[in-house]
Amino acid sequence: MMRGALSWVVLVAACASRAPAAPVAPARWPAPVDASATNDAGASSDVATSSPLTQVTRIVLDADGQCALRADGSAWCWHGTAHLLLPAGPLTPPEEYPNGAWAVPGLHDLDALCLSVEASCGRRRDGAVTCRAIRAGDGESPAPESEEFRVDVLEAVVPGDPAERLEEVGGACVITLRDGRREQVVPPRNGRDGWSRMTFSGPTDRCSLHEGAARCEGSNRGALLANSDAASFSATAPSLLFGLRNLREVQLGERHACAVTLDGAVLCWGQNHDGQLGTGDARSRALPTRVPGIEGVRAVRVGRTFTCALREAGDIWCWGAPRIRLFDEPRPRPTPLREAGGFSAIEVDGLTLCGLREAGTVWCWDALHPSEDHRAGAPRRVDLAR
């Protein structure tokens, strides 16, 4: 019974985005909140179905969810695994999921958010880490078939030293401490356990920028971290990335990577089977190669088989073969998106591109929430739940 119930929880999460338009939320769901107000994220309000999510300062996209942080430190999500949305109580059928963005209970005063397979965690401004997860039943024994299957919501501040950084790494929420040590958040396993931390030593490819130079470390499994002296590369000794200078940022993907220079050029390298390097062909590159046909770039983000860049002018250009509705067909060269002006930031994951516009509104192109009038290349605005 328990295995089937857990599968049902996963099914609920997977089907949440396919709920009918404008469902009537059960009483156990939290009341909608006016995201344009400055009050706390728990205050109720009569919200029109077309009210946008506003005052967003950061978008957090991951295979496990689509969320945003607002200026007041609240976390809002409009798609994700069950621990982001499910309320405590009887298991919610998919057709009763809210359609739109909801404030996540228990997560507030945040400046960072991590979405993992098991839990959602936030770093508060004082460095404390607070998390939310769900557990099927009592976590120890199957409920009798005669009883309604229930969900327990686990919310708590994780004990331990303040976090300097919180990020998702390999499906886990990982904390970096002031002394550089890294710890993984561990949700409760049964009714007796509490939230805990354990030393994290998993392989992580990452780069840090200092005065325009990138020094990288990690497993280099994707062969993206080769450097000026390949023989000296190791997982623990950061090495200069290809000897590159005057960099604004570096973005590492699963199979390809890109960097933006201080003068607004884009360099990409790695696999190019889908045109994600923007070079107009399908030939992979081991060395950073300038992407032709685009300049004045402020930021770049890499998806699984595509790349997108935000220019200083506020428009978005993408290339490759995204599995989302950006183009009618793959584009091996940088191509401007339609209806994509006035943006100040962008984020991507494997199946989604989202950007911030004026008043902190969020607009997304994805394969999970196409509206009835959605067209290839046209974004949808993220609105409050209805």
Protein backbone atom coordinates (compact mmCIF):
# COMPACT_ATOMS: atom_id res chain seq x y z
CA MET A 1 0.00 0.00 0.00
CA MET A 2 2.77 2.44 0.93
CA ARG A 3 4.66 1.91 -2.32
CA GLY A 4 1.51 2.60 -4.30
CA ALA A 5 0.78 5.66 -2.20
CA LEU A 6 4.24 7.06 -2.74
CA SER A 7 3.86 6.50 -6.45
CA TRP A 8 0.59 8.44 -6.26
CA VAL A 9 2.43 11.36 -4.61
CA VAL A 10 4.96 11.37 -7.46
CA LEU A 11 2.12 11.13 -9.95
CA VAL A 12 0.42 14.11 -8.32
CA ALA A 13 3.62 16.14 -8.70
CA ALA A 14 4.07 15.12 -12.30
CA CYS A 15 0.48 15.89 -13.22
CA ALA A 16 0.11 19.15 -11.31
CA SER A 17 0.77 21.29 -14.35
CA ARG A 18 -1.89 19.49 -16.35
CA ALA A 19 -4.77 20.45 -14.08
CA PRO A 20 -7.83 21.99 -15.76
CA ALA A 21 -7.88 25.77 -16.03
CA ALA A 22 -9.06 27.75 -12.99
CA PRO A 23 -9.78 24.89 -10.55
CA VAL A 24 -11.61 25.66 -7.33
CA ALA A 25 -9.01 25.31 -4.58
CA PRO A 26 -10.10 23.14 -1.61
CA ALA A 27 -10.31 24.79 1.79
CA ARG A 28 -7.10 23.12 2.89
CA TRP A 29 -5.04 25.04 0.34
CA PRO A 30 -3.65 28.36 1.66
CA ALA A 31 -5.57 31.44 0.63
CA PRO A 32 -4.32 33.33 -2.46
CA VAL A 33 -2.04 36.27 -1.71
CA ASP A 34 -1.69 39.62 -3.45
CA ALA A 35 1.91 39.52 -4.67
CA SER A 36 1.91 43.26 -5.38
CA ALA A 37 1.31 44.08 -1.72
CA THR A 38 4.12 44.62 0.74
CA ASN A 39 2.51 42.61 3.55
CA ASP A 40 3.70 39.17 4.61
CA ALA A 41 3.16 36.24 2.27
CA GLY A 42 0.45 34.77 4.45
CA ALA A 43 -2.09 37.58 4.21
CA SER A 44 -5.19 36.71 2.25
CA SER A 45 -6.70 38.90 -0.42
CA ASP A 46 -9.29 38.78 -3.16
CA VAL A 47 -7.18 38.36 -6.26
CA ALA A 48 -8.42 38.53 -9.83
CA THR A 49 -7.49 35.58 -12.00
CA SER A 50 -5.29 37.83 -14.14
CA SER A 51 -3.23 39.32 -11.29
CA PRO A 52 0.50 38.93 -12.04
CA LEU A 53 3.16 37.73 -9.65
CA THR A 54 5.17 40.90 -8.98
CA GLN A 55 8.19 42.21 -7.03
CA VAL A 56 10.20 39.13 -7.96
CA THR A 57 13.94 39.59 -7.48
CA ARG A 58 15.21 36.15 -8.45
CA ILE A 59 13.95 33.20 -10.50
CA VAL A 60 14.88 29.66 -9.41
CA LEU A 61 14.43 26.99 -12.08
CA ASP A 62 15.27 23.34 -11.68
CA ALA A 63 14.06 19.97 -12.90
CA ASP A 64 12.28 19.73 -9.54
CA GLY A 65 10.39 23.00 -9.69
CA GLN A 66 9.80 26.53 -10.97
CA CYS A 67 9.86 29.16 -8.26
CA ALA A 68 10.78 32.76 -7.51
CA LEU A 69 11.95 34.86 -4.58
CA ARG A 70 10.22 38.17 -3.94
CA ALA A 71 11.66 41.34 -2.41
CA ASP A 72 10.02 40.51 0.94
CA GLY A 73 11.89 37.18 1.11
CA SER A 74 8.89 34.96 0.37
CA ALA A 75 9.11 31.98 -1.98
CA TRP A 76 6.50 31.46 -4.71
CA CYS A 77 6.16 28.39 -6.92
CA TRP A 78 3.97 27.54 -9.88
CA HIS A 79 5.27 24.10 -10.73
CA GLY A 80 7.26 21.54 -8.81
CA THR A 81 7.47 18.31 -6.93
CA ALA A 82 4.90 17.65 -4.26
CA HIS A 83 6.94 19.03 -1.35
CA LEU A 84 6.66 22.52 -2.84
CA LEU A 85 2.89 22.63 -3.05
CA LEU A 86 1.05 19.86 -1.21
CA PRO A 87 -0.70 20.89 2.00
CA ALA A 88 -0.90 18.59 5.00
CA GLY A 89 -3.91 16.33 5.11
CA PRO A 90 -5.63 13.99 2.67
CA LEU A 91 -3.73 13.43 -0.56
CA THR A 92 -4.79 16.10 -3.04
CA PRO A 93 -5.93 14.79 -6.44
CA PRO A 94 -4.20 16.44 -9.41
CA GLU A 95 -7.34 18.17 -10.67
CA GLU A 96 -7.49 20.19 -7.44
CA TYR A 97 -3.99 21.67 -7.73
CA PRO A 98 -3.92 25.48 -7.95
CA ASN A 99 -3.32 27.01 -11.36
CA GLY A 100 -0.70 29.73 -10.90
CA ALA A 101 1.87 30.87 -8.35
CA TRP A 102 1.38 30.21 -4.64
CA ALA A 103 3.40 31.34 -1.64
CA VAL A 104 5.20 28.33 -0.16
CA PRO A 105 4.34 28.01 3.55
CA GLY A 106 7.22 27.91 6.01
CA LEU A 107 9.74 29.64 3.72
CA HIS A 108 10.17 33.36 4.41
CA ASP A 109 12.83 36.07 4.82
CA LEU A 110 14.94 34.26 2.20
CA ASP A 111 17.80 35.37 -0.02
CA ALA A 112 18.44 31.94 -1.63
CA LEU A 113 16.30 28.94 -2.55
CA CYS A 114 17.21 25.33 -3.37
CA LEU A 115 14.84 22.87 -5.05
CA SER A 116 15.85 19.21 -4.71
CA VAL A 117 14.22 15.86 -5.21
CA GLU A 118 13.36 15.42 -1.52
CA ALA A 119 12.91 18.92 -0.16
CA SER A 120 12.80 22.65 -0.77
CA CYS A 121 15.18 24.70 1.36
CA GLY A 122 15.80 28.39 1.76
CA ARG A 123 18.65 30.41 3.22
CA ARG A 124 17.36 33.17 5.46
CA ARG A 125 19.09 36.51 5.55
CA ASP A 126 20.62 35.62 8.94
CA GLY A 127 22.19 32.46 7.48
CA ALA A 128 19.70 29.99 8.98
CA VAL A 129 18.46 27.27 6.63
CA THR A 130 14.79 26.34 6.69
CA CYS A 131 13.31 23.44 4.72
CA ARG A 132 10.02 21.88 3.70
CA ALA A 133 9.33 18.28 2.70
CA ILE A 134 6.47 15.81 2.63
CA ARG A 135 6.20 12.34 4.04
CA ALA A 136 3.64 9.73 3.11
CA GLY A 137 1.57 8.67 6.12
CA ASP A 138 3.59 8.36 9.34
CA GLY A 139 6.73 7.34 7.41
CA GLU A 140 6.95 4.02 9.24
CA SER A 141 4.07 1.75 8.30
CA PRO A 142 1.45 1.58 5.55
CA ALA A 143 -1.94 3.01 6.38
CA PRO A 144 -4.80 0.49 6.36
CA GLU A 145 -6.58 0.38 3.03
CA SER A 146 -9.74 1.50 4.79
CA GLU A 147 -8.12 4.79 5.82
CA GLU A 148 -7.67 7.79 3.54
CA PHE A 149 -4.04 8.24 2.54
CA ARG A 150 -2.59 11.36 4.14
CA VAL A 151 0.43 13.60 3.62
CA ASP A 152 2.57 14.95 6.47
CA VAL A 153 4.32 18.27 5.80
CA LEU A 154 7.67 18.64 7.54
CA GLU A 155 8.82 22.22 8.07
CA ALA A 156 11.76 23.19 10.28
CA VAL A 157 14.93 25.22 10.63
CA VAL A 158 17.79 22.79 10.00
CA PRO A 159 20.21 22.81 12.97
CA GLY A 160 23.82 23.79 12.36
CA ASP A 161 26.08 26.74 11.65
CA PRO A 162 24.86 29.65 9.50
CA ALA A 163 25.20 29.12 5.77
CA GLU A 164 27.24 31.36 3.54
CA ARG A 165 25.70 29.77 0.46
CA LEU A 166 22.87 27.37 -0.45
CA GLU A 167 22.61 25.60 -3.81
CA GLU A 168 21.26 22.50 -5.51
CA VAL A 169 23.96 19.98 -6.41
CA GLY A 170 23.17 16.62 -7.95
CA GLY A 171 19.62 16.52 -6.61
CA ALA A 172 20.54 17.61 -3.07
CA CYS A 173 20.46 20.93 -1.20
CA VAL A 174 24.07 21.72 -0.26
CA ILE A 175 25.21 24.31 2.28
CA THR A 176 28.60 26.03 2.12
CA LEU A 177 29.87 27.26 5.48
CA ARG A 178 32.07 30.25 6.17
CA ASP A 179 35.17 28.05 6.48
CA GLY A 180 34.48 26.41 3.10
CA ARG A 181 33.09 23.13 4.41
CA ARG A 182 30.06 21.77 2.55
CA GLU A 183 27.11 19.94 4.06
CA GLN A 184 24.07 18.23 2.55
CA VAL A 185 20.62 18.71 4.06
CA VAL A 186 19.00 15.42 5.09
CA PRO A 187 15.19 15.32 5.57
CA PRO A 188 13.65 13.26 8.38
CA ARG A 189 13.49 9.58 7.50
CA ASN A 190 10.77 8.53 9.97
CA GLY A 191 8.58 9.86 12.73
CA ARG A 192 11.41 9.99 15.26
CA ASP A 193 14.11 11.77 13.23
CA GLY A 194 14.56 15.48 12.72
CA TRP A 195 16.25 17.48 9.97
CA SER A 196 20.03 17.01 9.89
CA ARG A 197 23.19 17.68 7.88
CA MET A 198 25.92 15.42 6.61
CA THR A 199 29.29 16.15 5.02
CA PHE A 200 28.96 16.58 1.26
CA SER A 201 31.80 15.32 -0.89
CA GLY A 202 30.09 14.72 -4.20
CA PRO A 203 31.73 15.87 -7.44
CA THR A 204 30.83 19.41 -8.41
CA ASP A 205 32.02 21.36 -11.40
CA ARG A 206 32.08 25.04 -10.58
CA CYS A 207 33.99 28.19 -11.46
CA SER A 208 34.66 31.35 -9.50
CA LEU A 209 35.49 34.70 -11.06
CA HIS A 210 38.13 37.11 -9.79
CA GLU A 211 39.23 40.18 -11.71
CA GLY A 212 37.93 38.74 -14.98
CA ALA A 213 39.63 35.33 -14.68
CA ALA A 214 37.77 32.10 -13.96
CA ARG A 215 39.26 29.39 -11.79
CA CYS A 216 37.43 26.08 -11.93
CA GLU A 217 37.38 22.83 -10.00
CA GLY A 218 35.41 19.61 -9.96
CA SER A 219 35.24 16.22 -11.63
CA ASN A 220 35.48 17.58 -15.19
CA ARG A 221 33.25 14.70 -16.29
CA GLY A 222 31.92 16.78 -19.17
CA ALA A 223 35.45 17.76 -20.27
CA LEU A 224 34.43 21.41 -19.94
CA LEU A 225 37.08 22.48 -17.42
CA ALA A 226 40.27 21.91 -19.40
CA ASN A 227 42.65 24.75 -18.68
CA SER A 228 45.85 26.46 -19.74
CA ASP A 229 47.86 23.52 -18.39
CA ALA A 230 45.65 20.44 -18.79
CA ALA A 231 48.18 18.17 -17.11
CA SER A 232 47.86 20.12 -13.85
CA PHE A 233 44.08 19.95 -13.61
CA SER A 234 42.71 18.27 -10.49
CA ALA A 235 39.39 18.13 -8.74
CA THR A 236 40.65 19.97 -5.68
CA ALA A 237 43.06 22.59 -7.06
CA PRO A 238 41.22 25.35 -8.96
CA SER A 239 42.83 25.99 -12.33
CA LEU A 240 42.61 28.91 -14.72
CA LEU A 241 39.89 28.23 -17.30
CA PHE A 242 41.65 28.03 -20.67
CA GLY A 243 43.72 31.05 -19.70
CA LEU A 244 40.72 33.30 -20.45
CA ARG A 245 40.70 36.88 -19.19
CA ASN A 246 38.18 39.73 -19.05
CA LEU A 247 35.21 37.47 -18.31
CA ARG A 248 31.92 38.68 -16.90
CA GLU A 249 30.47 35.23 -16.12
CA VAL A 250 30.82 31.50 -16.85
CA GLN A 251 27.93 29.05 -17.15
CA LEU A 252 28.56 25.29 -17.05
CA GLY A 253 25.96 22.89 -18.44
CA GLU A 254 25.81 19.13 -18.68
CA ARG A 255 27.42 18.92 -22.10
CA HIS A 256 28.40 22.44 -23.09
CA ALA A 257 29.48 25.69 -21.46
CA CYS A 258 29.47 29.38 -22.32
CA ALA A 259 31.08 32.56 -21.01
CA VAL A 260 30.41 36.28 -21.47
CA THR A 261 33.30 38.72 -21.84
CA LEU A 262 33.37 42.24 -20.42
CA ASP A 263 32.86 43.64 -23.91
CA GLY A 264 29.63 41.64 -24.42
CA ALA A 265 30.86 38.76 -26.58
CA VAL A 266 29.80 35.13 -25.99
CA LEU A 267 32.21 32.17 -26.04
CA CYS A 268 30.92 28.58 -26.06
CA TRP A 269 32.49 25.11 -26.11
CA GLY A 270 31.57 21.46 -25.65
CA GLN A 271 29.07 19.28 -27.52
CA ASN A 272 27.24 20.86 -30.42
CA HIS A 273 25.02 18.11 -31.83
CA ASP A 274 21.95 20.35 -31.54
CA GLY A 275 23.58 23.65 -32.49
CA GLN A 276 23.82 24.79 -28.86
CA LEU A 277 27.20 26.45 -29.48
CA GLY A 278 25.63 28.89 -31.96
CA THR A 279 28.35 28.43 -34.58
CA GLY A 280 25.98 27.58 -37.42
CA ASP A 281 27.02 23.91 -37.63
CA ALA A 282 26.94 20.72 -35.57
CA ARG A 283 30.68 20.39 -34.93
CA SER A 284 31.68 20.20 -31.27
CA ARG A 285 34.49 22.40 -29.92
CA ALA A 286 36.99 21.55 -27.20
CA LEU A 287 38.10 25.19 -26.90
CA PRO A 288 36.03 28.33 -26.26
CA THR A 289 34.78 29.66 -29.60
CA ARG A 290 33.22 33.06 -30.14
CA VAL A 291 29.53 32.91 -31.08
CA PRO A 292 29.06 34.97 -34.25
CA GLY A 293 26.13 37.27 -34.90
CA ILE A 294 25.49 38.51 -31.37
CA GLU A 295 27.04 41.29 -29.27
CA GLY A 296 26.24 43.52 -26.32
CA VAL A 297 25.41 40.50 -24.12
CA ARG A 298 24.82 40.96 -20.40
CA ALA A 299 24.22 37.33 -19.35
CA VAL A 300 24.12 33.84 -20.83
CA ARG A 301 22.36 30.67 -19.64
CA VAL A 302 22.83 27.11 -20.91
CA GLY A 303 20.03 24.55 -21.18
CA ARG A 304 20.34 20.90 -22.03
CA THR A 305 20.37 21.34 -25.81
CA PHE A 306 20.14 25.11 -26.21
CA THR A 307 21.63 28.40 -25.06
CA CYS A 308 20.01 31.79 -24.38
CA ALA A 309 21.58 35.22 -23.93
CA LEU A 310 20.22 38.45 -22.48
CA ARG A 311 21.55 41.57 -24.19
CA GLU A 312 22.07 44.96 -22.60
CA ALA A 313 19.17 46.18 -24.72
CA GLY A 314 16.84 43.90 -22.73
CA ASP A 315 16.07 41.45 -25.55
CA ILE A 316 16.67 37.68 -25.48
CA TRP A 317 18.43 35.64 -28.15
CA CYS A 318 18.58 31.84 -28.21
CA TRP A 319 20.10 29.08 -30.33
CA GLY A 320 20.14 25.30 -30.49
CA ALA A 321 17.27 22.84 -30.27
CA PRO A 322 15.26 23.68 -27.16
CA ARG A 323 12.57 21.19 -26.17
CA ILE A 324 10.34 24.14 -25.48
CA ARG A 325 8.36 26.49 -27.68
CA LEU A 326 11.01 29.09 -28.49
CA PHE A 327 11.21 28.43 -32.23
CA ASP A 328 9.26 26.58 -34.86
CA GLU A 329 12.47 24.66 -35.67
CA PRO A 330 16.04 24.33 -34.29
CA ARG A 331 18.32 27.33 -34.84
CA PRO A 332 22.11 26.75 -35.02
CA ARG A 333 22.76 30.52 -34.92
CA PRO A 334 21.67 33.21 -32.42
CA THR A 335 18.07 34.21 -33.09
CA PRO A 336 16.08 36.94 -31.28
CA LEU A 337 12.89 35.75 -29.60
CA ARG A 338 9.61 37.36 -30.48
CA GLU A 339 7.88 39.42 -27.78
CA ALA A 340 11.08 39.29 -25.70
CA GLY A 341 11.95 42.89 -24.83
CA GLY A 342 12.32 44.76 -21.57
CA PHE A 343 13.99 41.94 -19.61
CA SER A 344 16.48 42.47 -16.79
CA ALA A 345 17.40 38.85 -15.99
CA ILE A 346 16.92 35.33 -17.36
CA GLU A 347 17.22 31.76 -16.07
CA VAL A 348 16.91 28.38 -17.76
CA ASP A 349 16.81 24.72 -16.94
CA GLY A 350 16.52 21.78 -19.30
CA LEU A 351 12.93 22.53 -20.32
CA THR A 352 12.21 26.11 -19.32
CA LEU A 353 13.32 29.69 -19.99
CA CYS A 354 12.03 32.46 -17.72
CA GLY A 355 12.84 36.15 -17.48
CA LEU A 356 12.19 39.15 -15.23
CA ARG A 357 10.47 42.22 -16.61
CA GLU A 358 9.38 45.55 -15.14
CA ALA A 359 7.77 45.51 -11.68
CA GLY A 360 9.42 42.13 -11.12
CA THR A 361 6.95 40.19 -13.27
CA VAL A 362 7.95 36.73 -14.52
CA TRP A 363 7.51 35.52 -18.10
CA CYS A 364 8.26 31.97 -19.23
CA TRP A 365 8.62 29.85 -22.32
CA ASP A 366 8.21 26.17 -21.49
CA ALA A 367 6.72 22.86 -22.47
CA LEU A 368 4.81 22.32 -19.24
CA HIS A 369 2.24 25.10 -19.14
CA PRO A 370 1.23 26.06 -22.70
CA SER A 371 -1.89 28.21 -22.54
CA GLU A 372 -4.65 27.94 -25.09
CA ASP A 373 -3.33 30.90 -27.09
CA HIS A 374 0.35 30.02 -26.63
CA ARG A 375 2.37 30.25 -29.84
CA ALA A 376 5.91 29.20 -30.60
CA GLY A 377 8.14 32.04 -29.45
CA ALA A 378 5.52 33.78 -27.28
CA PRO A 379 6.06 33.86 -23.49
CA ARG A 380 3.35 33.49 -20.89
CA ARG A 381 3.16 35.63 -17.78
CA VAL A 382 3.21 33.87 -14.39
CA ASP A 383 0.07 34.94 -12.54
CA LEU A 384 -1.21 34.36 -9.05
CA ALA A 385 -3.07 31.13 -8.36
CA ARG A 386 -6.74 31.11 -9.19
